[in-house]
Amino acid sequence: MATARVLGKLRRDTRGAVATEYGLLVVLAVIAVMLAISALGQTNYDIWRNVAAKVTAAT
């Protein structure tokens, strides 16, 4: 009987749901930032590789 009462209380308790939702939002934001940095990093690398090739060709 006590176990059923405890499980009922846990089922109605939503305090942890908000923290979980915020945690998921933070994870999604971090993934988005990592993808953006990765894409910009590759573009930046390509730009500097072209600059280096032009400087090498000019000397």
N, C-alpha and C. Protein backbone atom coordinates (compact mmCIF):
# COMPACT_ATOMS: atom_id res chain seq x y z
N MET A 1 0.81 -1.18 0.00
CA MET A 1 0.00 0.00 0.00
C MET A 1 0.86 1.26 0.00
N ALA A 2 1.90 1.26 0.80
CA ALA A 2 2.77 2.43 0.88
C ALA A 2 3.50 2.65 -0.44
N THR A 3 3.85 1.57 -1.10
CA THR A 3 4.54 1.69 -2.38
C THR A 3 3.64 2.34 -3.42
N ALA A 4 2.38 1.97 -3.45
CA ALA A 4 1.43 2.56 -4.40
C ALA A 4 1.27 4.04 -4.11
N ARG A 5 1.23 4.42 -2.85
CA ARG A 5 1.08 5.83 -2.47
C ARG A 5 2.31 6.63 -2.93
N VAL A 6 3.49 6.10 -2.72
CA VAL A 6 4.73 6.78 -3.13
C VAL A 6 4.79 6.91 -4.64
N LEU A 7 4.43 5.86 -5.36
CA LEU A 7 4.44 5.92 -6.82
C LEU A 7 3.42 6.93 -7.33
N GLY A 8 2.28 7.03 -6.67
CA GLY A 8 1.28 8.02 -7.05
C GLY A 8 1.79 9.43 -6.87
N LYS A 9 2.49 9.67 -5.76
CA LYS A 9 3.07 11.00 -5.53
C LYS A 9 4.13 11.32 -6.59
N LEU A 10 4.95 10.35 -6.93
CA LEU A 10 5.98 10.57 -7.94
C LEU A 10 5.37 10.87 -9.31
N ARG A 11 4.27 10.21 -9.62
CA ARG A 11 3.62 10.42 -10.90
C ARG A 11 3.05 11.84 -11.02
N ARG A 12 2.56 12.37 -9.90
CA ARG A 12 1.97 13.72 -9.92
C ARG A 12 3.01 14.83 -9.79
N ASP A 13 4.21 14.50 -9.34
CA ASP A 13 5.26 15.50 -9.13
C ASP A 13 5.88 15.89 -10.47
N THR A 14 5.80 17.16 -10.82
CA THR A 14 6.33 17.64 -12.10
C THR A 14 7.52 18.58 -11.92
N ARG A 15 8.06 18.68 -10.72
CA ARG A 15 9.17 19.62 -10.50
C ARG A 15 10.40 19.28 -11.32
N GLY A 16 10.70 18.02 -11.49
CA GLY A 16 11.88 17.62 -12.25
C GLY A 16 11.70 17.77 -13.75
N ALA A 17 10.46 17.85 -14.21
CA ALA A 17 10.20 17.96 -15.64
C ALA A 17 10.73 19.27 -16.20
N VAL A 18 10.59 20.35 -15.45
CA VAL A 18 11.07 21.65 -15.91
C VAL A 18 12.58 21.64 -16.04
N ALA A 19 13.27 21.08 -15.07
CA ALA A 19 14.73 21.01 -15.13
C ALA A 19 15.17 20.14 -16.30
N THR A 20 14.46 19.07 -16.55
CA THR A 20 14.79 18.20 -17.68
C THR A 20 14.60 18.93 -18.99
N GLU A 21 13.51 19.68 -19.11
CA GLU A 21 13.26 20.44 -20.35
C GLU A 21 14.35 21.48 -20.57
N TYR A 22 14.73 22.19 -19.52
CA TYR A 22 15.81 23.17 -19.66
C TYR A 22 17.12 22.48 -20.04
N GLY A 23 17.36 21.34 -19.47
CA GLY A 23 18.57 20.59 -19.82
C GLY A 23 18.58 20.19 -21.28
N LEU A 24 17.45 19.74 -21.79
CA LEU A 24 17.37 19.39 -23.21
C LEU A 24 17.56 20.61 -24.11
N LEU A 25 17.02 21.76 -23.70
CA LEU A 25 17.22 22.98 -24.48
C LEU A 25 18.69 23.38 -24.51
N VAL A 26 19.36 23.24 -23.39
CA VAL A 26 20.79 23.57 -23.34
C VAL A 26 21.58 22.63 -24.25
N VAL A 27 21.25 21.36 -24.22
CA VAL A 27 21.94 20.39 -25.08
C VAL A 27 21.72 20.74 -26.55
N LEU A 28 20.49 21.07 -26.92
CA LEU A 28 20.22 21.45 -28.32
C LEU A 28 20.98 22.72 -28.71
N ALA A 29 21.05 23.69 -27.80
CA ALA A 29 21.79 24.92 -28.08
C ALA A 29 23.28 24.63 -28.26
N VAL A 30 23.84 23.77 -27.45
CA VAL A 30 25.26 23.42 -27.56
C VAL A 30 25.53 22.71 -28.88
N ILE A 31 24.64 21.81 -29.26
CA ILE A 31 24.81 21.11 -30.54
C ILE A 31 24.75 22.10 -31.70
N ALA A 32 23.82 23.06 -31.64
CA ALA A 32 23.71 24.06 -32.71
C ALA A 32 24.98 24.91 -32.78
N VAL A 33 25.51 25.29 -31.64
CA VAL A 33 26.74 26.10 -31.63
C VAL A 33 27.91 25.29 -32.18
N MET A 34 28.00 24.03 -31.81
CA MET A 34 29.09 23.19 -32.31
C MET A 34 29.01 23.03 -33.83
N LEU A 35 27.81 22.84 -34.35
CA LEU A 35 27.66 22.72 -35.80
C LEU A 35 28.03 24.01 -36.51
N ALA A 36 27.61 25.15 -35.94
CA ALA A 36 27.94 26.44 -36.55
C ALA A 36 29.45 26.68 -36.53
N ILE A 37 30.10 26.38 -35.43
CA ILE A 37 31.54 26.57 -35.34
C ILE A 37 32.26 25.64 -36.31
N SER A 38 31.77 24.44 -36.44
CA SER A 38 32.38 23.49 -37.37
C SER A 38 32.27 24.00 -38.80
N ALA A 39 31.09 24.48 -39.18
CA ALA A 39 30.90 24.99 -40.54
C ALA A 39 31.76 26.23 -40.79
N LEU A 40 31.78 27.14 -39.83
CA LEU A 40 32.58 28.35 -40.00
C LEU A 40 34.07 28.04 -39.96
N GLY A 41 34.45 27.05 -39.18
CA GLY A 41 35.86 26.67 -39.10
C GLY A 41 36.36 26.15 -40.43
N GLN A 42 35.57 25.34 -41.10
CA GLN A 42 35.97 24.82 -42.40
C GLN A 42 36.08 25.94 -43.42
N THR A 43 35.13 26.88 -43.40
CA THR A 43 35.18 28.02 -44.32
C THR A 43 36.41 28.87 -44.04
N ASN A 44 36.68 29.11 -42.77
CA ASN A 44 37.85 29.90 -42.39
C ASN A 44 39.13 29.20 -42.84
N TYR A 45 39.20 27.90 -42.68
CA TYR A 45 40.37 27.14 -43.12
C TYR A 45 40.57 27.27 -44.62
N ASP A 46 39.49 27.16 -45.38
CA ASP A 46 39.59 27.28 -46.83
C ASP A 46 40.07 28.66 -47.25
N ILE A 47 39.59 29.69 -46.59
CA ILE A 47 40.02 31.06 -46.92
C ILE A 47 41.52 31.21 -46.69
N TRP A 48 42.00 30.78 -45.52
CA TRP A 48 43.41 30.94 -45.21
C TRP A 48 44.30 30.05 -46.08
N ARG A 49 43.80 28.90 -46.48
CA ARG A 49 44.56 28.04 -47.39
C ARG A 49 44.73 28.73 -48.74
N ASN A 50 43.68 29.40 -49.22
CA ASN A 50 43.77 30.14 -50.48
C ASN A 50 44.73 31.32 -50.36
N VAL A 51 44.68 32.00 -49.23
CA VAL A 51 45.61 33.12 -49.02
C VAL A 51 47.05 32.62 -49.02
N ALA A 52 47.28 31.52 -48.31
CA ALA A 52 48.64 30.96 -48.26
C ALA A 52 49.11 30.54 -49.64
N ALA A 53 48.24 29.96 -50.44
CA ALA A 53 48.61 29.53 -51.80
C ALA A 53 48.96 30.74 -52.65
N LYS A 54 48.20 31.81 -52.53
CA LYS A 54 48.47 33.02 -53.33
C LYS A 54 49.77 33.69 -52.91
N VAL A 55 50.03 33.71 -51.59
CA VAL A 55 51.28 34.31 -51.11
C VAL A 55 52.46 33.47 -51.57
N THR A 56 52.34 32.17 -51.52
CA THR A 56 53.41 31.29 -51.97
C THR A 56 53.64 31.45 -53.47
N ALA A 57 52.57 31.59 -54.22
CA ALA A 57 52.71 31.74 -55.67
C ALA A 57 53.31 33.10 -56.03
N ALA A 58 53.07 34.11 -55.22
CA ALA A 58 53.57 35.45 -55.51
C ALA A 58 55.04 35.61 -55.14
N THR A 59 55.58 34.73 -54.35
CA THR A 59 56.98 34.90 -53.92
C THR A 59 57.92 34.06 -54.75
